[in-house]
């Protein structure tokens, strides 16, 4: 919730999906915001924590609509690399950005490459006035030497990275099936590196988080403090097979 935390509450128009699956499409956003007086529309794609994803066809429809409404569209692609077809869906493309200058793309390299301590990110737009303002506003030493070195060598491992993403996608499919075998959980589809689950048992998400941490040395995300949730939800990270199996075993023991 870092984005809304930067605004006054009265300046924010929230969209919360009106369904049990927390899913939404470009059409849902257009229908909801078409009558709203907004200057900017922010989309996290895939979404956090639901993992909901809008593909390139929907995103282009959203860009056409926001352009006609004179609305700045901000798309955060920090988790896009984990989607099934990330290369086809990314807006980090010169021709796309030139065609839709009202669109700004943000991407956290820390998320996609699993290097949060390096603190790297990208912002891209054909709006040269906006980019000039951001350049002037950001401190001169905006990345450290570790981040600079990482950026120098990152392309060297491009093929390894893409191969790793394919392995990750297959692991997520397996992990999702295993989680769905636990009757006490309602597991949501995800295109990110995490999966959201609803707890159907008479056990709070906070209590489950405490038990997993103290008894099994496993840390998950309790979503009870997140806005928009009125039942018990957790978010679990997709990790390697050993770690994923450890959580599955713990949940089966508890439920």
C-alpha atoms as a PDB file:
ATOM      1  CA  UNK A   1       0.000   0.000   0.000  1.00  0.00           C
ATOM      2  CA  UNK A   2       2.961   2.316  -0.562  1.00  0.00           C
ATOM      3  CA  UNK A   3       1.212   4.126  -3.431  1.00  0.00           C
ATOM      4  CA  UNK A   4      -1.964   5.203  -1.572  1.00  0.00           C
ATOM      5  CA  UNK A   5       0.133   6.036   1.490  1.00  0.00           C
ATOM      6  CA  UNK A   6       1.628   8.909  -0.542  1.00  0.00           C
ATOM      7  CA  UNK A   7      -1.790  10.535  -1.041  1.00  0.00           C
ATOM      8  CA  UNK A   8      -4.419  12.054   1.197  1.00  0.00           C
ATOM      9  CA  UNK A   9      -7.303   9.633   1.713  1.00  0.00           C
ATOM     10  CA  UNK A  10      -9.815  12.090   0.225  1.00  0.00           C
ATOM     11  CA  UNK A  11      -7.762  12.274  -3.008  1.00  0.00           C
ATOM     12  CA  UNK A  12      -7.924   8.519  -3.648  1.00  0.00           C
ATOM     13  CA  UNK A  13     -10.619   6.709  -5.645  1.00  0.00           C
ATOM     14  CA  UNK A  14     -10.320   3.032  -4.725  1.00  0.00           C
ATOM     15  CA  UNK A  15     -11.301   0.060  -6.858  1.00  0.00           C
ATOM     16  CA  UNK A  16     -12.070  -3.188  -5.032  1.00  0.00           C
ATOM     17  CA  UNK A  17     -13.282  -6.149  -7.162  1.00  0.00           C
ATOM     18  CA  UNK A  18     -16.885  -7.018  -6.393  1.00  0.00           C
ATOM     19  CA  UNK A  19     -16.532 -10.784  -6.608  1.00  0.00           C
ATOM     20  CA  UNK A  20     -15.318 -13.777  -4.611  1.00  0.00           C
ATOM     21  CA  UNK A  21     -12.197 -14.341  -6.720  1.00  0.00           C
ATOM     22  CA  UNK A  22     -10.788 -10.779  -6.511  1.00  0.00           C
ATOM     23  CA  UNK A  23     -10.397 -10.902 -10.291  1.00  0.00           C
ATOM     24  CA  UNK A  24     -10.941  -7.972 -12.646  1.00  0.00           C
ATOM     25  CA  UNK A  25     -10.385  -7.078 -16.283  1.00  0.00           C
ATOM     26  CA  UNK A  26      -9.618  -3.923 -18.244  1.00  0.00           C
ATOM     27  CA  UNK A  27     -13.354  -3.614 -18.949  1.00  0.00           C
ATOM     28  CA  UNK A  28     -14.089  -3.697 -15.206  1.00  0.00           C
ATOM     29  CA  UNK A  29     -11.652  -0.830 -14.592  1.00  0.00           C
ATOM     30  CA  UNK A  30     -13.012   1.188 -17.513  1.00  0.00           C
ATOM     31  CA  UNK A  31     -16.625   0.701 -16.400  1.00  0.00           C
ATOM     32  CA  UNK A  32     -15.770   1.714 -12.846  1.00  0.00           C
ATOM     33  CA  UNK A  33     -13.581   4.749 -13.548  1.00  0.00           C
ATOM     34  CA  UNK A  34     -15.365   6.067 -16.648  1.00  0.00           C
ATOM     35  CA  UNK A  35     -17.643   8.282 -14.563  1.00  0.00           C
ATOM     36  CA  UNK A  36     -14.976   9.179 -11.971  1.00  0.00           C
ATOM     37  CA  UNK A  37     -13.034  12.438 -12.012  1.00  0.00           C
ATOM     38  CA  UNK A  38      -9.446  11.158 -11.814  1.00  0.00           C
ATOM     39  CA  UNK A  39      -6.131  12.489 -13.128  1.00  0.00           C
ATOM     40  CA  UNK A  40      -4.113   9.286 -12.735  1.00  0.00           C
ATOM     41  CA  UNK A  41      -4.915   5.580 -12.814  1.00  0.00           C
ATOM     42  CA  UNK A  42      -2.470   3.198 -11.157  1.00  0.00           C
ATOM     43  CA  UNK A  43      -2.447  -0.493 -12.076  1.00  0.00           C
ATOM     44  CA  UNK A  44      -0.230  -3.147 -10.474  1.00  0.00           C
ATOM     45  CA  UNK A  45       0.011  -5.933 -13.059  1.00  0.00           C
ATOM     46  CA  UNK A  46       0.170  -8.713 -11.862  1.00  0.00           C
ATOM     47  CA  UNK A  47      -1.625  -7.470  -8.788  1.00  0.00           C
ATOM     48  CA  UNK A  48      -0.377  -7.766  -5.241  1.00  0.00           C
ATOM     49  CA  UNK A  49      -1.525  -9.736  -3.286  1.00  0.00           C
ATOM     50  CA  UNK A  50      -4.155 -11.420  -5.484  1.00  0.00           C
ATOM     51  CA  UNK A  51      -1.900 -12.217  -8.469  1.00  0.00           C
ATOM     52  CA  UNK A  52      -4.638 -11.034 -10.862  1.00  0.00           C
ATOM     53  CA  UNK A  53      -3.278 -10.345 -14.346  1.00  0.00           C
ATOM     54  CA  UNK A  54      -4.477  -8.329 -17.361  1.00  0.00           C
ATOM     55  CA  UNK A  55      -2.856  -9.389 -20.640  1.00  0.00           C
ATOM     56  CA  UNK A  56      -1.574  -7.114 -23.416  1.00  0.00           C
ATOM     57  CA  UNK A  57      -4.933  -6.954 -25.216  1.00  0.00           C
ATOM     58  CA  UNK A  58      -6.621  -5.628 -22.081  1.00  0.00           C
ATOM     59  CA  UNK A  59      -3.763  -3.245 -21.285  1.00  0.00           C
ATOM     60  CA  UNK A  60      -3.873  -1.722 -24.775  1.00  0.00           C
ATOM     61  CA  UNK A  61      -7.622  -1.227 -24.392  1.00  0.00           C
ATOM     62  CA  UNK A  62      -6.945   0.530 -21.096  1.00  0.00           C
ATOM     63  CA  UNK A  63      -4.298   2.740 -22.727  1.00  0.00           C
ATOM     64  CA  UNK A  64      -6.686   3.749 -25.520  1.00  0.00           C
ATOM     65  CA  UNK A  65      -9.440   4.591 -23.019  1.00  0.00           C
ATOM     66  CA  UNK A  66      -7.195   6.515 -20.582  1.00  0.00           C
ATOM     67  CA  UNK A  67      -5.716   8.499 -23.481  1.00  0.00           C
ATOM     68  CA  UNK A  68      -9.174   9.529 -24.687  1.00  0.00           C
ATOM     69  CA  UNK A  69     -10.047  10.596 -21.123  1.00  0.00           C
ATOM     70  CA  UNK A  70      -6.788  12.559 -20.632  1.00  0.00           C
ATOM     71  CA  UNK A  71      -5.890  10.279 -17.722  1.00  0.00           C
ATOM     72  CA  UNK A  72      -2.282   9.415 -16.913  1.00  0.00           C
ATOM     73  CA  UNK A  73      -1.931   5.632 -16.790  1.00  0.00           C
ATOM     74  CA  UNK A  74       0.756   4.243 -14.482  1.00  0.00           C
ATOM     75  CA  UNK A  75       1.480   0.528 -14.841  1.00  0.00           C
ATOM     76  CA  UNK A  76       3.681  -1.214 -12.282  1.00  0.00           C
ATOM     77  CA  UNK A  77       5.216  -4.304 -13.924  1.00  0.00           C
ATOM     78  CA  UNK A  78       7.315  -5.347 -10.928  1.00  0.00           C
ATOM     79  CA  UNK A  79       5.916  -8.898 -10.949  1.00  0.00           C
ATOM     80  CA  UNK A  80       5.386  -9.263 -14.712  1.00  0.00           C
ATOM     81  CA  UNK A  81       8.435 -11.479 -15.292  1.00  0.00           C
ATOM     82  CA  UNK A  82       6.650 -14.281 -13.432  1.00  0.00           C
ATOM     83  CA  UNK A  83       3.633 -14.272 -15.781  1.00  0.00           C
ATOM     84  CA  UNK A  84       3.238 -17.072 -18.319  1.00  0.00           C
ATOM     85  CA  UNK A  85       4.010 -14.812 -21.294  1.00  0.00           C
ATOM     86  CA  UNK A  86       5.843 -11.831 -19.841  1.00  0.00           C
ATOM     87  CA  UNK A  87       7.725 -10.788 -22.981  1.00  0.00           C
ATOM     88  CA  UNK A  88       4.495 -10.438 -24.991  1.00  0.00           C
ATOM     89  CA  UNK A  89       2.819  -8.362 -22.277  1.00  0.00           C
ATOM     90  CA  UNK A  90       5.455  -5.857 -21.192  1.00  0.00           C
ATOM     91  CA  UNK A  91       4.969  -2.180 -22.018  1.00  0.00           C
ATOM     92  CA  UNK A  92       8.719  -1.550 -21.815  1.00  0.00           C
ATOM     93  CA  UNK A  93       8.777  -1.031 -25.556  1.00  0.00           C
ATOM     94  CA  UNK A  94       9.809   2.177 -27.302  1.00  0.00           C
ATOM     95  CA  UNK A  95       7.090   2.033 -29.967  1.00  0.00           C
ATOM     96  CA  UNK A  96       4.328   1.391 -27.421  1.00  0.00           C
ATOM     97  CA  UNK A  97       5.487   4.220 -25.158  1.00  0.00           C
ATOM     98  CA  UNK A  98       5.709   6.643 -28.096  1.00  0.00           C
ATOM     99  CA  UNK A  99       2.179   5.728 -29.179  1.00  0.00           C
ATOM    100  CA  UNK A 100       0.821   6.248 -25.650  1.00  0.00           C
ATOM    101  CA  UNK A 101       2.813   9.136 -24.117  1.00  0.00           C
ATOM    102  CA  UNK A 102       0.303   9.383 -21.254  1.00  0.00           C
ATOM    103  CA  UNK A 103       1.490   5.945 -20.055  1.00  0.00           C
ATOM    104  CA  UNK A 104       4.283   5.466 -17.518  1.00  0.00           C
ATOM    105  CA  UNK A 105       5.787   2.067 -16.713  1.00  0.00           C
ATOM    106  CA  UNK A 106       7.443   1.255 -13.406  1.00  0.00           C
ATOM    107  CA  UNK A 107       9.388  -1.907 -12.675  1.00  0.00           C
ATOM    108  CA  UNK A 108      11.213  -3.040  -9.557  1.00  0.00           C
ATOM    109  CA  UNK A 109      14.223  -5.096 -10.572  1.00  0.00           C
ATOM    110  CA  UNK A 110      14.533  -6.041  -6.906  1.00  0.00           C
ATOM    111  CA  UNK A 111      11.290  -8.047  -7.223  1.00  0.00           C
ATOM    112  CA  UNK A 112      11.894  -9.826 -10.517  1.00  0.00           C
ATOM    113  CA  UNK A 113      15.526 -10.764  -9.886  1.00  0.00           C
ATOM    114  CA  UNK A 114      15.201 -11.410  -6.159  1.00  0.00           C
ATOM    115  CA  UNK A 115      17.810  -8.816  -5.148  1.00  0.00           C
ATOM    116  CA  UNK A 116      15.921  -6.452  -2.803  1.00  0.00           C
ATOM    117  CA  UNK A 117      19.058  -5.167  -1.111  1.00  0.00           C
ATOM    118  CA  UNK A 118      20.392  -3.788  -4.401  1.00  0.00           C
ATOM    119  CA  UNK A 119      17.421  -1.360  -4.591  1.00  0.00           C
ATOM    120  CA  UNK A 120      17.110  -1.091  -8.370  1.00  0.00           C
ATOM    121  CA  UNK A 121      14.107   0.028 -10.381  1.00  0.00           C
ATOM    122  CA  UNK A 122      13.122   1.419 -13.771  1.00  0.00           C
ATOM    123  CA  UNK A 123      10.688   4.112 -14.875  1.00  0.00           C
ATOM    124  CA  UNK A 124       9.913   4.572 -18.573  1.00  0.00           C
ATOM    125  CA  UNK A 125       7.704   6.984 -20.502  1.00  0.00           C
ATOM    126  CA  UNK A 126       7.648   8.957 -23.737  1.00  0.00           C
ATOM    127  CA  UNK A 127       6.543  11.963 -21.669  1.00  0.00           C
ATOM    128  CA  UNK A 128       9.901  13.754 -21.768  1.00  0.00           C
ATOM    129  CA  UNK A 129       8.666  16.547 -19.487  1.00  0.00           C
ATOM    130  CA  UNK A 130       7.813  13.998 -16.780  1.00  0.00           C
ATOM    131  CA  UNK A 131      11.101  12.130 -17.155  1.00  0.00           C
ATOM    132  CA  UNK A 132      13.080  15.397 -17.020  1.00  0.00           C
ATOM    133  CA  UNK A 133      11.273  16.369 -13.821  1.00  0.00           C
ATOM    134  CA  UNK A 134      12.016  12.984 -12.221  1.00  0.00           C
ATOM    135  CA  UNK A 135      15.670  13.145 -13.244  1.00  0.00           C
ATOM    136  CA  UNK A 136      15.971  16.572 -11.659  1.00  0.00           C
ATOM    137  CA  UNK A 137      14.144  15.462  -8.511  1.00  0.00           C
ATOM    138  CA  UNK A 138      16.107  12.233  -7.878  1.00  0.00           C
ATOM    139  CA  UNK A 139      19.333  12.517  -5.898  1.00  0.00           C
ATOM    140  CA  UNK A 140      22.579  12.348  -7.883  1.00  0.00           C
ATOM    141  CA  UNK A 141      23.739   9.168  -6.140  1.00  0.00           C
ATOM    142  CA  UNK A 142      20.497   7.289  -6.745  1.00  0.00           C
ATOM    143  CA  UNK A 143      22.111   3.817  -6.990  1.00  0.00           C
ATOM    144  CA  UNK A 144      25.122   2.376  -5.194  1.00  0.00           C
ATOM    145  CA  UNK A 145      28.150   0.546  -6.595  1.00  0.00           C
ATOM    146  CA  UNK A 146      26.521  -2.866  -6.071  1.00  0.00           C
ATOM    147  CA  UNK A 147      23.524  -1.799  -8.138  1.00  0.00           C
ATOM    148  CA  UNK A 148      25.770  -0.370 -10.833  1.00  0.00           C
ATOM    149  CA  UNK A 149      27.773  -3.608 -11.050  1.00  0.00           C
ATOM    150  CA  UNK A 150      24.564  -5.667 -11.187  1.00  0.00           C
ATOM    151  CA  UNK A 151      23.306  -3.596 -14.140  1.00  0.00           C
ATOM    152  CA  UNK A 152      26.634  -4.129 -15.943  1.00  0.00           C
ATOM    153  CA  UNK A 153      26.483  -7.932 -15.759  1.00  0.00           C
ATOM    154  CA  UNK A 154      22.723  -8.558 -15.924  1.00  0.00           C
ATOM    155  CA  UNK A 155      22.551  -9.121 -19.698  1.00  0.00           C
ATOM    156  CA  UNK A 156      25.326 -11.713 -19.486  1.00  0.00           C
ATOM    157  CA  UNK A 157      22.896 -14.038 -17.704  1.00  0.00           C
ATOM    158  CA  UNK A 158      19.771 -13.273 -19.760  1.00  0.00           C
ATOM    159  CA  UNK A 159      19.399 -16.832 -21.098  1.00  0.00           C
ATOM    160  CA  UNK A 160      19.883 -18.331 -17.635  1.00  0.00           C
ATOM    161  CA  UNK A 161      17.285 -15.947 -16.253  1.00  0.00           C
ATOM    162  CA  UNK A 162      14.696 -16.834 -18.908  1.00  0.00           C
ATOM    163  CA  UNK A 163      15.343 -20.524 -18.330  1.00  0.00           C
ATOM    164  CA  UNK A 164      14.901 -20.005 -14.595  1.00  0.00           C
ATOM    165  CA  UNK A 165      11.565 -18.258 -15.175  1.00  0.00           C
ATOM    166  CA  UNK A 166      10.270 -21.248 -17.136  1.00  0.00           C
ATOM    167  CA  UNK A 167      11.235 -23.550 -14.281  1.00  0.00           C
ATOM    168  CA  UNK A 168       9.521 -21.168 -11.882  1.00  0.00           C
ATOM    169  CA  UNK A 169       6.264 -21.202 -13.883  1.00  0.00           C
ATOM    170  CA  UNK A 170       6.188 -25.011 -13.823  1.00  0.00           C
ATOM    171  CA  UNK A 171       6.869 -24.995 -10.075  1.00  0.00           C
ATOM    172  CA  UNK A 172       4.025 -22.528  -9.496  1.00  0.00           C
ATOM    173  CA  UNK A 173       1.625 -24.849 -11.333  1.00  0.00           C
ATOM    174  CA  UNK A 174       2.687 -27.785  -9.142  1.00  0.00           C
ATOM    175  CA  UNK A 175       2.533 -25.660  -5.981  1.00  0.00           C
ATOM    176  CA  UNK A 176      -0.963 -24.409  -6.822  1.00  0.00           C
ATOM    177  CA  UNK A 177      -2.210 -27.979  -7.320  1.00  0.00           C
ATOM    178  CA  UNK A 178      -0.719 -29.043  -3.995  1.00  0.00           C
ATOM    179  CA  UNK A 179      -2.276 -26.126  -2.143  1.00  0.00           C
ATOM    180  CA  UNK A 180      -5.662 -26.912  -3.711  1.00  0.00           C
ATOM    181  CA  UNK A 181      -5.450 -30.444  -2.373  1.00  0.00           C
ATOM    182  CA  UNK A 182      -5.858 -28.937   1.115  1.00  0.00           C
ATOM    183  CA  UNK A 183      -9.633 -28.665   1.589  1.00  0.00           C
ATOM    184  CA  UNK A 184      -9.319 -25.958   4.233  1.00  0.00           C
ATOM    185  CA  UNK A 185      -7.872 -23.503   1.717  1.00  0.00           C
ATOM    186  CA  UNK A 186      -9.439 -21.622  -1.159  1.00  0.00           C
ATOM    187  CA  UNK A 187      -6.545 -21.020  -3.555  1.00  0.00           C
ATOM    188  CA  UNK A 188      -6.608 -18.192  -6.095  1.00  0.00           C
ATOM    189  CA  UNK A 189      -5.004 -18.223  -9.534  1.00  0.00           C
ATOM    190  CA  UNK A 190      -1.822 -16.167  -9.669  1.00  0.00           C
ATOM    191  CA  UNK A 191       0.567 -14.914 -12.333  1.00  0.00           C
ATOM    192  CA  UNK A 192       3.052 -13.600  -9.768  1.00  0.00           C
ATOM    193  CA  UNK A 193       5.644 -15.199  -7.480  1.00  0.00           C
ATOM    194  CA  UNK A 194       3.116 -15.587  -4.672  1.00  0.00           C
ATOM    195  CA  UNK A 195      -0.289 -17.202  -4.210  1.00  0.00           C
ATOM    196  CA  UNK A 196      -3.205 -15.854  -2.201  1.00  0.00           C
ATOM    197  CA  UNK A 197      -5.322 -18.274  -0.173  1.00  0.00           C
ATOM    198  CA  UNK A 198      -8.461 -17.955   1.916  1.00  0.00           C
ATOM    199  CA  UNK A 199      -8.642 -19.985   5.130  1.00  0.00           C
ATOM    200  CA  UNK A 200     -11.931 -21.870   5.362  1.00  0.00           C
ATOM    201  CA  UNK A 201     -11.325 -23.328   8.823  1.00  0.00           C
ATOM    202  CA  UNK A 202     -12.134 -21.502  12.049  1.00  0.00           C
ATOM    203  CA  UNK A 203      -8.584 -20.221  12.262  1.00  0.00           C
ATOM    204  CA  UNK A 204      -7.563 -16.624  11.727  1.00  0.00           C
ATOM    205  CA  UNK A 205      -4.849 -15.683   9.250  1.00  0.00           C
ATOM    206  CA  UNK A 206      -2.966 -14.019  12.099  1.00  0.00           C
ATOM    207  CA  UNK A 207      -3.052 -17.180  14.226  1.00  0.00           C
ATOM    208  CA  UNK A 208      -1.984 -19.402  11.327  1.00  0.00           C
ATOM    209  CA  UNK A 209       0.935 -17.067  10.615  1.00  0.00           C
ATOM    210  CA  UNK A 210       1.997 -17.283  14.277  1.00  0.00           C
ATOM    211  CA  UNK A 211       1.774 -21.096  14.389  1.00  0.00           C
ATOM    212  CA  UNK A 212       3.749 -21.568  11.161  1.00  0.00           C
ATOM    213  CA  UNK A 213       6.475 -19.221  12.378  1.00  0.00           C
ATOM    214  CA  UNK A 214       6.832 -20.545  15.940  1.00  0.00           C
ATOM    215  CA  UNK A 215       6.253 -24.270  15.320  1.00  0.00           C
ATOM    216  CA  UNK A 216       7.563 -24.763  11.776  1.00  0.00           C
ATOM    217  CA  UNK A 217       9.983 -21.848  11.242  1.00  0.00           C
ATOM    218  CA  UNK A 218       7.992 -20.767   8.152  1.00  0.00           C
ATOM    219  CA  UNK A 219       7.023 -17.141   7.566  1.00  0.00           C
ATOM    220  CA  UNK A 220       3.973 -16.296   5.441  1.00  0.00           C
ATOM    221  CA  UNK A 221       2.098 -13.035   4.844  1.00  0.00           C
ATOM    222  CA  UNK A 222      -0.963 -12.363   6.995  1.00  0.00           C
ATOM    223  CA  UNK A 223      -3.329 -10.234   4.865  1.00  0.00           C
ATOM    224  CA  UNK A 224      -5.715  -9.262   7.669  1.00  0.00           C
ATOM    225  CA  UNK A 225      -4.140  -5.792   7.857  1.00  0.00           C
ATOM    226  CA  UNK A 226      -4.608  -5.182   4.123  1.00  0.00           C
ATOM    227  CA  UNK A 227      -7.484  -3.025   2.922  1.00  0.00           C
ATOM    228  CA  UNK A 228     -10.391  -4.672   1.101  1.00  0.00           C
ATOM    229  CA  UNK A 229     -10.400  -8.022   2.909  1.00  0.00           C
ATOM    230  CA  UNK A 230     -13.303  -9.015   5.153  1.00  0.00           C
ATOM    231  CA  UNK A 231     -12.356 -12.679   5.652  1.00  0.00           C
ATOM    232  CA  UNK A 232      -9.178 -14.621   6.496  1.00  0.00           C
ATOM    233  CA  UNK A 233      -6.516 -14.487   3.769  1.00  0.00           C
ATOM    234  CA  UNK A 234      -2.831 -15.307   3.543  1.00  0.00           C
ATOM    235  CA  UNK A 235      -0.193 -14.898   0.830  1.00  0.00           C
ATOM    236  CA  UNK A 236       2.519 -17.528   0.364  1.00  0.00           C
ATOM    237  CA  UNK A 237       5.675 -17.155  -1.698  1.00  0.00           C
ATOM    238  CA  UNK A 238       6.500 -19.538  -4.533  1.00  0.00           C
ATOM    239  CA  UNK A 239       9.982 -20.829  -3.724  1.00  0.00           C
ATOM    240  CA  UNK A 240      11.939 -23.953  -4.648  1.00  0.00           C
ATOM    241  CA  UNK A 241      10.471 -27.460  -4.384  1.00  0.00           C
ATOM    242  CA  UNK A 242      12.024 -28.187  -0.986  1.00  0.00           C
ATOM    243  CA  UNK A 243      10.668 -25.005   0.618  1.00  0.00           C
ATOM    244  CA  UNK A 244       7.268 -25.321  -1.057  1.00  0.00           C
ATOM    245  CA  UNK A 245       6.940 -28.933   0.086  1.00  0.00           C
ATOM    246  CA  UNK A 246       7.846 -27.909   3.616  1.00  0.00           C
ATOM    247  CA  UNK A 247       4.913 -25.483   3.751  1.00  0.00           C
ATOM    248  CA  UNK A 248       2.527 -27.981   2.138  1.00  0.00           C
ATOM    249  CA  UNK A 249       3.457 -30.596   4.746  1.00  0.00           C
ATOM    250  CA  UNK A 250       3.012 -28.114   7.591  1.00  0.00           C
ATOM    251  CA  UNK A 251      -0.425 -27.009   6.324  1.00  0.00           C
ATOM    252  CA  UNK A 252      -1.564 -30.624   5.892  1.00  0.00           C
ATOM    253  CA  UNK A 253      -0.466 -31.379   9.441  1.00  0.00           C
ATOM    254  CA  UNK A 254      -2.372 -28.372  10.806  1.00  0.00           C
ATOM    255  CA  UNK A 255      -5.543 -28.882   8.753  1.00  0.00           C
END
